[in-house]
Amino acid sequence: MRITKVKGENKKHKVLLYALSTCGWCRKTKKLLADNSVEYEYVDVDLCSDEEYEQIRDDIIQRGGRIAFPTLIIDDVKLITGFDEDEIRKALGI
């Protein structure tokens, strides 16, 4: 699975983003993180193999989420589905 790391000055949280390369809401999420210099990792799920997609799907479901993108996982605990700017800002303290 190709995980891309985006460096940033804000390293207070471990942030993983499951996204789609063609999704406007996913791009907005990446832009929000970048604009606030949040360091994060992301996976463009639509570019993964079927096996990798199943692993991602299982990971999201095991965390109590639903299959929708973007999906943010913060500190391996907090899961945010969809682009909810207020919730993302609150969870990251930005």
PDB file of N, CA and C in Angstrom:
ATOM      1  N   MET A   1       0.858  -1.179   0.000  1.00  0.00           N
ATOM      2  CA  MET A   1       0.000   0.000   0.000  1.00  0.00           C
ATOM      3  C   MET A   1       0.897   1.233   0.000  1.00  0.00           C
ATOM      4  N   ARG A   2       0.581   2.170  -0.839  1.00  0.00           N
ATOM      5  CA  ARG A   2       1.404   3.386  -0.953  1.00  0.00           C
ATOM      6  C   ARG A   2       0.892   4.445   0.022  1.00  0.00           C
ATOM      7  N   ILE A   3       1.673   4.665   1.062  1.00  0.00           N
ATOM      8  CA  ILE A   3       1.349   5.692   2.056  1.00  0.00           C
ATOM      9  C   ILE A   3       2.266   6.877   1.793  1.00  0.00           C
ATOM     10  N   THR A   4       1.664   8.038   1.580  1.00  0.00           N
ATOM     11  CA  THR A   4       2.428   9.250   1.306  1.00  0.00           C
ATOM     12  C   THR A   4       2.476  10.104   2.554  1.00  0.00           C
ATOM     13  N   LYS A   5       3.673  10.532   2.932  1.00  0.00           N
ATOM     14  CA  LYS A   5       3.836  11.386   4.109  1.00  0.00           C
ATOM     15  C   LYS A   5       3.963  12.829   3.653  1.00  0.00           C
ATOM     16  N   VAL A   6       3.184  13.696   4.284  1.00  0.00           N
ATOM     17  CA  VAL A   6       3.245  15.133   4.016  1.00  0.00           C
ATOM     18  C   VAL A   6       3.815  15.781   5.273  1.00  0.00           C
ATOM     19  N   LYS A   7       4.980  16.363   5.137  1.00  0.00           N
ATOM     20  CA  LYS A   7       5.630  16.981   6.297  1.00  0.00           C
ATOM     21  C   LYS A   7       4.952  18.289   6.664  1.00  0.00           C
ATOM     22  N   GLY A   8       4.979  18.578   7.954  1.00  0.00           N
ATOM     23  CA  GLY A   8       4.432  19.822   8.455  1.00  0.00           C
ATOM     24  C   GLY A   8       5.029  20.146   9.805  1.00  0.00           C
ATOM     25  N   GLU A   9       4.896  21.389  10.202  1.00  0.00           N
ATOM     26  CA  GLU A   9       5.449  21.819  11.493  1.00  0.00           C
ATOM     27  C   GLU A   9       4.589  21.335  12.662  1.00  0.00           C
ATOM     28  N   ASN A  10       3.283  21.166  12.422  1.00  0.00           N
ATOM     29  CA  ASN A  10       2.366  20.741  13.471  1.00  0.00           C
ATOM     30  C   ASN A  10       2.373  19.213  13.541  1.00  0.00           C
ATOM     31  N   LYS A  11       3.095  18.690  14.548  1.00  0.00           N
ATOM     32  CA  LYS A  11       3.239  17.241  14.712  1.00  0.00           C
ATOM     33  C   LYS A  11       2.605  16.766  16.009  1.00  0.00           C
ATOM     34  N   LYS A  12       1.629  17.526  16.519  1.00  0.00           N
ATOM     35  CA  LYS A  12       1.004  17.193  17.800  1.00  0.00           C
ATOM     36  C   LYS A  12       0.221  15.882  17.737  1.00  0.00           C
ATOM     37  N   HIS A  13      -0.265  15.533  16.553  1.00  0.00           N
ATOM     38  CA  HIS A  13      -1.109  14.349  16.408  1.00  0.00           C
ATOM     39  C   HIS A  13      -0.602  13.470  15.280  1.00  0.00           C
ATOM     40  N   LYS A  14      -0.858  12.171  15.409  1.00  0.00           N
ATOM     41  CA  LYS A  14      -0.621  11.238  14.312  1.00  0.00           C
ATOM     42  C   LYS A  14      -1.886  11.249  13.461  1.00  0.00           C
ATOM     43  N   VAL A  15      -1.749  11.630  12.196  1.00  0.00           N
ATOM     44  CA  VAL A  15      -2.914  11.796  11.329  1.00  0.00           C
ATOM     45  C   VAL A  15      -2.760  10.908  10.098  1.00  0.00           C
ATOM     46  N   LEU A  16      -3.773  10.076   9.857  1.00  0.00           N
ATOM     47  CA  LEU A  16      -3.835   9.234   8.664  1.00  0.00           C
ATOM     48  C   LEU A  16      -5.125   9.570   7.920  1.00  0.00           C
ATOM     49  N   LEU A  17      -5.003   9.808   6.631  1.00  0.00           N
ATOM     50  CA  LEU A  17      -6.141  10.158   5.791  1.00  0.00           C
ATOM     51  C   LEU A  17      -6.319   9.099   4.720  1.00  0.00           C
ATOM     52  N   TYR A  18      -7.503   8.499   4.694  1.00  0.00           N
ATOM     53  CA  TYR A  18      -7.885   7.640   3.576  1.00  0.00           C
ATOM     54  C   TYR A  18      -8.684   8.516   2.628  1.00  0.00           C
ATOM     55  N   ALA A  19      -8.220   8.620   1.385  1.00  0.00           N
ATOM     56  CA  ALA A  19      -8.810   9.552   0.425  1.00  0.00           C
ATOM     57  C   ALA A  19      -8.981   8.873  -0.934  1.00  0.00           C
ATOM     58  N   LEU A  20      -9.643   9.582  -1.831  1.00  0.00           N
ATOM     59  CA  LEU A  20      -9.735   9.184  -3.227  1.00  0.00           C
ATOM     60  C   LEU A  20      -9.032  10.260  -4.047  1.00  0.00           C
ATOM     61  N   SER A  21      -8.250   9.860  -5.024  1.00  0.00           N
ATOM     62  CA  SER A  21      -7.464  10.822  -5.792  1.00  0.00           C
ATOM     63  C   SER A  21      -8.335  11.787  -6.591  1.00  0.00           C
ATOM     64  N   THR A  22      -9.577  11.411  -6.866  1.00  0.00           N
ATOM     65  CA  THR A  22     -10.476  12.226  -7.692  1.00  0.00           C
ATOM     66  C   THR A  22     -11.531  12.987  -6.878  1.00  0.00           C
ATOM     67  N   CYS A  23     -11.465  12.901  -5.568  1.00  0.00           N
ATOM     68  CA  CYS A  23     -12.515  13.438  -4.691  1.00  0.00           C
ATOM     69  C   CYS A  23     -12.228  14.889  -4.289  1.00  0.00           C
ATOM     70  N   GLY A  24     -13.168  15.773  -4.586  1.00  0.00           N
ATOM     71  CA  GLY A  24     -13.031  17.172  -4.209  1.00  0.00           C
ATOM     72  C   GLY A  24     -12.979  17.382  -2.708  1.00  0.00           C
ATOM     73  N   TRP A  25     -13.775  16.637  -1.958  1.00  0.00           N
ATOM     74  CA  TRP A  25     -13.780  16.772  -0.492  1.00  0.00           C
ATOM     75  C   TRP A  25     -12.475  16.276   0.099  1.00  0.00           C
ATOM     76  N   CYS A  26     -11.893  15.259  -0.522  1.00  0.00           N
ATOM     77  CA  CYS A  26     -10.588  14.764  -0.075  1.00  0.00           C
ATOM     78  C   CYS A  26      -9.510  15.817  -0.325  1.00  0.00           C
ATOM     79  N   ARG A  27      -9.578  16.487  -1.477  1.00  0.00           N
ATOM     80  CA  ARG A  27      -8.622  17.564  -1.770  1.00  0.00           C
ATOM     81  C   ARG A  27      -8.781  18.706  -0.767  1.00  0.00           C
ATOM     82  N   LYS A  28     -10.032  19.016  -0.397  1.00  0.00           N
ATOM     83  CA  LYS A  28     -10.251  20.081   0.600  1.00  0.00           C
ATOM     84  C   LYS A  28      -9.643  19.693   1.950  1.00  0.00           C
ATOM     85  N   THR A  29      -9.763  18.414   2.299  1.00  0.00           N
ATOM     86  CA  THR A  29      -9.186  17.947   3.563  1.00  0.00           C
ATOM     87  C   THR A  29      -7.669  18.074   3.528  1.00  0.00           C
ATOM     88  N   LYS A  30      -7.049  17.633   2.427  1.00  0.00           N
ATOM     89  CA  LYS A  30      -5.593  17.755   2.288  1.00  0.00           C
ATOM     90  C   LYS A  30      -5.168  19.223   2.354  1.00  0.00           C
ATOM     91  N   LYS A  31      -5.933  20.107   1.719  1.00  0.00           N
ATOM     92  CA  LYS A  31      -5.608  21.537   1.715  1.00  0.00           C
ATOM     93  C   LYS A  31      -5.721  22.123   3.124  1.00  0.00           C
ATOM     94  N   LEU A  32      -6.771  21.743   3.852  1.00  0.00           N
ATOM     95  CA  LEU A  32      -6.941  22.221   5.231  1.00  0.00           C
ATOM     96  C   LEU A  32      -5.750  21.800   6.083  1.00  0.00           C
ATOM     97  N   LEU A  33      -5.329  20.560   5.960  1.00  0.00           N
ATOM     98  CA  LEU A  33      -4.176  20.080   6.732  1.00  0.00           C
ATOM     99  C   LEU A  33      -2.912  20.822   6.319  1.00  0.00           C
ATOM    100  N   ALA A  34      -2.700  20.980   5.021  1.00  0.00           N
ATOM    101  CA  ALA A  34      -1.499  21.669   4.531  1.00  0.00           C
ATOM    102  C   ALA A  34      -1.491  23.140   4.933  1.00  0.00           C
ATOM    103  N   ASP A  35      -2.638  23.807   4.824  1.00  0.00           N
ATOM    104  CA  ASP A  35      -2.723  25.227   5.174  1.00  0.00           C
ATOM    105  C   ASP A  35      -2.421  25.470   6.646  1.00  0.00           C
ATOM    106  N   ASN A  36      -2.634  24.442   7.474  1.00  0.00           N
ATOM    107  CA  ASN A  36      -2.371  24.563   8.903  1.00  0.00           C
ATOM    108  C   ASN A  36      -1.094  23.832   9.305  1.00  0.00           C
ATOM    109  N   SER A  37      -0.281  23.485   8.304  1.00  0.00           N
ATOM    110  CA  SER A  37       1.025  22.860   8.495  1.00  0.00           C
ATOM    111  C   SER A  37       0.959  21.593   9.357  1.00  0.00           C
ATOM    112  N   VAL A  38      -0.127  20.834   9.201  1.00  0.00           N
ATOM    113  CA  VAL A  38      -0.286  19.578   9.939  1.00  0.00           C
ATOM    114  C   VAL A  38       0.462  18.475   9.186  1.00  0.00           C
ATOM    115  N   GLU A  39       1.336  17.783   9.902  1.00  0.00           N
ATOM    116  CA  GLU A  39       2.011  16.639   9.299  1.00  0.00           C
ATOM    117  C   GLU A  39       1.027  15.475   9.278  1.00  0.00           C
ATOM    118  N   TYR A  40       0.947  14.790   8.149  1.00  0.00           N
ATOM    119  CA  TYR A  40      -0.002  13.674   8.040  1.00  0.00           C
ATOM    120  C   TYR A  40       0.454  12.696   6.977  1.00  0.00           C
ATOM    121  N   GLU A  41      -0.166  11.533   6.998  1.00  0.00           N
ATOM    122  CA  GLU A  41       0.042  10.529   5.975  1.00  0.00           C
ATOM    123  C   GLU A  41      -1.295  10.277   5.299  1.00  0.00           C
ATOM    124  N   TYR A  42      -1.238   9.927   4.003  1.00  0.00           N
ATOM    125  CA  TYR A  42      -2.483   9.613   3.316  1.00  0.00           C
ATOM    126  C   TYR A  42      -2.306   8.462   2.344  1.00  0.00           C
ATOM    127  N   VAL A  43      -3.434   7.811   2.067  1.00  0.00           N
ATOM    128  CA  VAL A  43      -3.504   6.750   1.083  1.00  0.00           C
ATOM    129  C   VAL A  43      -4.630   7.102   0.123  1.00  0.00           C
ATOM    130  N   ASP A  44      -4.323   7.157  -1.176  1.00  0.00           N
ATOM    131  CA  ASP A  44      -5.370   7.318  -2.181  1.00  0.00           C
ATOM    132  C   ASP A  44      -5.926   5.927  -2.461  1.00  0.00           C
ATOM    133  N   VAL A  45      -7.056   5.646  -1.844  1.00  0.00           N
ATOM    134  CA  VAL A  45      -7.622   4.303  -1.825  1.00  0.00           C
ATOM    135  C   VAL A  45      -7.960   3.801  -3.232  1.00  0.00           C
ATOM    136  N   ASP A  46      -8.389   4.693  -4.117  1.00  0.00           N
ATOM    137  CA  ASP A  46      -8.758   4.269  -5.468  1.00  0.00           C
ATOM    138  C   ASP A  46      -7.556   3.823  -6.300  1.00  0.00           C
ATOM    139  N   LEU A  47      -6.359   4.092  -5.824  1.00  0.00           N
ATOM    140  CA  LEU A  47      -5.150   3.670  -6.527  1.00  0.00           C
ATOM    141  C   LEU A  47      -4.551   2.394  -5.932  1.00  0.00           C
ATOM    142  N   CYS A  48      -5.236   1.822  -4.943  1.00  0.00           N
ATOM    143  CA  CYS A  48      -4.774   0.606  -4.271  1.00  0.00           C
ATOM    144  C   CYS A  48      -5.267  -0.639  -5.011  1.00  0.00           C
ATOM    145  N   SER A  49      -4.609  -1.744  -4.710  1.00  0.00           N
ATOM    146  CA  SER A  49      -5.067  -3.032  -5.230  1.00  0.00           C
ATOM    147  C   SER A  49      -6.341  -3.442  -4.491  1.00  0.00           C
ATOM    148  N   ASP A  50      -7.032  -4.441  -5.017  1.00  0.00           N
ATOM    149  CA  ASP A  50      -8.247  -4.931  -4.358  1.00  0.00           C
ATOM    150  C   ASP A  50      -7.935  -5.438  -2.952  1.00  0.00           C
ATOM    151  N   GLU A  51      -6.818  -6.104  -2.798  1.00  0.00           N
ATOM    152  CA  GLU A  51      -6.425  -6.631  -1.486  1.00  0.00           C
ATOM    153  C   GLU A  51      -6.165  -5.489  -0.496  1.00  0.00           C
ATOM    154  N   GLU A  52      -5.474  -4.459  -0.956  1.00  0.00           N
ATOM    155  CA  GLU A  52      -5.206  -3.300  -0.093  1.00  0.00           C
ATOM    156  C   GLU A  52      -6.495  -2.594   0.265  1.00  0.00           C
ATOM    157  N   TYR A  53      -7.415  -2.480  -0.701  1.00  0.00           N
ATOM    158  CA  TYR A  53      -8.716  -1.856  -0.425  1.00  0.00           C
ATOM    159  C   TYR A  53      -9.445  -2.619   0.675  1.00  0.00           C
ATOM    160  N   GLU A  54      -9.407  -3.935   0.617  1.00  0.00           N
ATOM    161  CA  GLU A  54     -10.071  -4.747   1.649  1.00  0.00           C
ATOM    162  C   GLU A  54      -9.456  -4.490   3.022  1.00  0.00           C
ATOM    163  N   GLN A  55      -8.119  -4.341   3.082  1.00  0.00           N
ATOM    164  CA  GLN A  55      -7.448  -4.042   4.352  1.00  0.00           C
ATOM    165  C   GLN A  55      -7.905  -2.686   4.893  1.00  0.00           C
ATOM    166  N   ILE A  56      -8.001  -1.709   4.023  1.00  0.00           N
ATOM    167  CA  ILE A  56      -8.440  -0.365   4.427  1.00  0.00           C
ATOM    168  C   ILE A  56      -9.889  -0.406   4.887  1.00  0.00           C
ATOM    169  N   ARG A  57     -10.726  -1.086   4.117  1.00  0.00           N
ATOM    170  CA  ARG A  57     -12.148  -1.216   4.473  1.00  0.00           C
ATOM    171  C   ARG A  57     -12.284  -1.851   5.859  1.00  0.00           C
ATOM    172  N   ASP A  58     -11.547  -2.940   6.084  1.00  0.00           N
ATOM    173  CA  ASP A  58     -11.593  -3.615   7.382  1.00  0.00           C
ATOM    174  C   ASP A  58     -11.112  -2.695   8.503  1.00  0.00           C
ATOM    175  N   ASP A  59     -10.055  -1.922   8.251  1.00  0.00           N
ATOM    176  CA  ASP A  59      -9.519  -1.004   9.255  1.00  0.00           C
ATOM    177  C   ASP A  59     -10.578   0.029   9.649  1.00  0.00           C
ATOM    178  N   ILE A  60     -11.236   0.604   8.657  1.00  0.00           N
ATOM    179  CA  ILE A  60     -12.254   1.625   8.937  1.00  0.00           C
ATOM    180  C   ILE A  60     -13.423   1.021   9.716  1.00  0.00           C
ATOM    181  N   ILE A  61     -13.894  -0.133   9.300  1.00  0.00           N
ATOM    182  CA  ILE A  61     -15.043  -0.780   9.954  1.00  0.00           C
ATOM    183  C   ILE A  61     -14.694  -1.180  11.386  1.00  0.00           C
ATOM    184  N   GLN A  62     -13.490  -1.720  11.592  1.00  0.00           N
ATOM    185  CA  GLN A  62     -13.070  -2.116  12.942  1.00  0.00           C
ATOM    186  C   GLN A  62     -13.004  -0.920  13.885  1.00  0.00           C
ATOM    187  N   ARG A  63     -12.766   0.253  13.334  1.00  0.00           N
ATOM    188  CA  ARG A  63     -12.713   1.472  14.155  1.00  0.00           C
ATOM    189  C   ARG A  63     -14.101   2.083  14.351  1.00  0.00           C
ATOM    190  N   GLY A  64     -15.121   1.417  13.830  1.00  0.00           N
ATOM    191  CA  GLY A  64     -16.483   1.901  14.008  1.00  0.00           C
ATOM    192  C   GLY A  64     -16.934   2.888  12.950  1.00  0.00           C
ATOM    193  N   GLY A  65     -16.180   2.986  11.876  1.00  0.00           N
ATOM    194  CA  GLY A  65     -16.533   3.921  10.812  1.00  0.00           C
ATOM    195  C   GLY A  65     -17.339   3.265   9.712  1.00  0.00           C
ATOM    196  N   ARG A  66     -17.658   4.080   8.712  1.00  0.00           N
ATOM    197  CA  ARG A  66     -18.337   3.573   7.531  1.00  0.00           C
ATOM    198  C   ARG A  66     -17.468   3.895   6.329  1.00  0.00           C
ATOM    199  N   ILE A  67     -17.684   3.183   5.253  1.00  0.00           N
ATOM    200  CA  ILE A  67     -16.838   3.346   4.072  1.00  0.00           C
ATOM    201  C   ILE A  67     -17.290   4.583   3.303  1.00  0.00           C
ATOM    202  N   ALA A  68     -16.565   5.660   3.518  1.00  0.00           N
ATOM    203  CA  ALA A  68     -16.815   6.933   2.839  1.00  0.00           C
ATOM    204  C   ALA A  68     -15.503   7.716   2.897  1.00  0.00           C
ATOM    205  N   PHE A  69     -15.348   8.595   1.953  1.00  0.00           N
ATOM    206  CA  PHE A  69     -14.089   9.333   1.872  1.00  0.00           C
ATOM    207  C   PHE A  69     -14.350  10.819   1.740  1.00  0.00           C
ATOM    208  N   PRO A  70     -13.529  11.622   2.396  1.00  0.00           N
ATOM    209  CA  PRO A  70     -12.335  11.270   3.149  1.00  0.00           C
ATOM    210  C   PRO A  70     -12.661  10.656   4.509  1.00  0.00           C
ATOM    211  N   THR A  71     -11.753   9.844   5.011  1.00  0.00           N
ATOM    212  CA  THR A  71     -11.804   9.332   6.376  1.00  0.00           C
ATOM    213  C   THR A  71     -10.484   9.683   7.039  1.00  0.00           C
ATOM    214  N   LEU A  72     -10.572  10.426   8.122  1.00  0.00           N
ATOM    215  CA  LEU A  72      -9.386  10.833   8.894  1.00  0.00           C
ATOM    216  C   LEU A  72      -9.316   9.997  10.164  1.00  0.00           C
ATOM    217  N   ILE A  73      -8.127   9.514  10.483  1.00  0.00           N
ATOM    218  CA  ILE A  73      -7.903   8.806  11.748  1.00  0.00           C
ATOM    219  C   ILE A  73      -6.825   9.577  12.487  1.00  0.00           C
ATOM    220  N   ILE A  74      -7.191  10.058  13.680  1.00  0.00           N
ATOM    221  CA  ILE A  74      -6.299  10.908  14.460  1.00  0.00           C
ATOM    222  C   ILE A  74      -5.864  10.155  15.713  1.00  0.00           C
ATOM    223  N   ASP A  75      -4.561  10.019  15.880  1.00  0.00           N
ATOM    224  CA  ASP A  75      -3.959   9.355  17.038  1.00  0.00           C
ATOM    225  C   ASP A  75      -4.468   7.923  17.212  1.00  0.00           C
ATOM    226  N   ASP A  76      -4.820   7.267  16.124  1.00  0.00           N
ATOM    227  CA  ASP A  76      -5.326   5.885  16.140  1.00  0.00           C
ATOM    228  C   ASP A  76      -6.597   5.728  16.964  1.00  0.00           C
ATOM    229  N   VAL A  77      -7.253   6.828  17.309  1.00  0.00           N
ATOM    230  CA  VAL A  77      -8.433   6.771  18.172  1.00  0.00           C
ATOM    231  C   VAL A  77      -9.641   7.461  17.546  1.00  0.00           C
ATOM    232  N   LYS A  78      -9.476   8.701  17.161  1.00  0.00           N
ATOM    233  CA  LYS A  78     -10.575   9.529  16.648  1.00  0.00           C
ATOM    234  C   LYS A  78     -10.740   9.305  15.151  1.00  0.00           C
ATOM    235  N   LEU A  79     -11.964   9.010  14.732  1.00  0.00           N
ATOM    236  CA  LEU A  79     -12.258   8.798  13.321  1.00  0.00           C
ATOM    237  C   LEU A  79     -13.258   9.851  12.868  1.00  0.00           C
ATOM    238  N   ILE A  80     -12.941  10.543  11.776  1.00  0.00           N
ATOM    239  CA  ILE A  80     -13.837  11.555  11.213  1.00  0.00           C
ATOM    240  C   ILE A  80     -14.113  11.159   9.768  1.00  0.00           C
ATOM    241  N   THR A  81     -15.383  10.969   9.463  1.00  0.00           N
ATOM    242  CA  THR A  81     -15.787  10.592   8.110  1.00  0.00           C
ATOM    243  C   THR A  81     -16.362  11.813   7.407  1.00  0.00           C
ATOM    244  N   GLY A  82     -15.885  12.071   6.196  1.00  0.00           N
ATOM    245  CA  GLY A  82     -16.363  13.216   5.434  1.00  0.00           C
ATOM    246  C   GLY A  82     -15.582  14.471   5.793  1.00  0.00           C
ATOM    247  N   PHE A  83     -15.803  15.521   5.010  1.00  0.00           N
ATOM    248  CA  PHE A  83     -15.131  16.787   5.268  1.00  0.00           C
ATOM    249  C   PHE A  83     -15.987  17.609   6.216  1.00  0.00           C
ATOM    250  N   ASP A  84     -15.623  17.582   7.493  1.00  0.00           N
ATOM    251  CA  ASP A  84     -16.299  18.370   8.527  1.00  0.00           C
ATOM    252  C   ASP A  84     -15.225  19.287   9.118  1.00  0.00           C
ATOM    253  N   GLU A  85     -15.086  20.453   8.509  1.00  0.00           N
ATOM    254  CA  GLU A  85     -13.981  21.345   8.872  1.00  0.00           C
ATOM    255  C   GLU A  85     -13.959  21.671  10.358  1.00  0.00           C
ATOM    256  N   ASP A  86     -15.114  21.965  10.936  1.00  0.00           N
ATOM    257  CA  ASP A  86     -15.149  22.310  12.363  1.00  0.00           C
ATOM    258  C   ASP A  86     -14.672  21.142  13.227  1.00  0.00           C
ATOM    259  N   GLU A  87     -15.126  19.937  12.911  1.00  0.00           N
ATOM    260  CA  GLU A  87     -14.729  18.771  13.702  1.00  0.00           C
ATOM    261  C   GLU A  87     -13.236  18.476  13.536  1.00  0.00           C
ATOM    262  N   ILE A  88     -12.734  18.639  12.316  1.00  0.00           N
ATOM    263  CA  ILE A  88     -11.306  18.408  12.068  1.00  0.00           C
ATOM    264  C   ILE A  88     -10.471  19.427  12.843  1.00  0.00           C
ATOM    265  N   ARG A  89     -10.863  20.695  12.752  1.00  0.00           N
ATOM    266  CA  ARG A  89     -10.131  21.745  13.480  1.00  0.00           C
ATOM    267  C   ARG A  89     -10.139  21.476  14.978  1.00  0.00           C
ATOM    268  N   LYS A  90     -11.284  21.085  15.512  1.00  0.00           N
ATOM    269  CA  LYS A  90     -11.407  20.830  16.951  1.00  0.00           C
ATOM    270  C   LYS A  90     -10.526  19.651  17.358  1.00  0.00           C
ATOM    271  N   ALA A  91     -10.572  18.569  16.580  1.00  0.00           N
ATOM    272  CA  ALA A  91      -9.801  17.367  16.920  1.00  0.00           C
ATOM    273  C   ALA A  91      -8.295  17.613  16.864  1.00  0.00           C
ATOM    274  N   LEU A  92      -7.867  18.473  15.958  1.00  0.00           N
ATOM    275  CA  LEU A  92      -6.440  18.764  15.800  1.00  0.00           C
ATOM    276  C   LEU A  92      -5.976  19.999  16.550  1.00  0.00           C
ATOM    277  N   GLY A  93      -6.911  20.742  17.126  1.00  0.00           N
ATOM    278  CA  GLY A  93      -6.548  21.959  17.845  1.00  0.00           C
ATOM    279  C   GLY A  93      -5.997  23.035  16.918  1.00  0.00           C
ATOM    280  N   ILE A  94      -6.602  23.194  15.746  1.00  0.00           N
ATOM    281  CA  ILE A  94      -6.142  24.202  14.790  1.00  0.00           C
ATOM    282  C   ILE A  94      -7.221  25.228  14.502  1.00  0.00           C
TER     283      ILE A  94
END
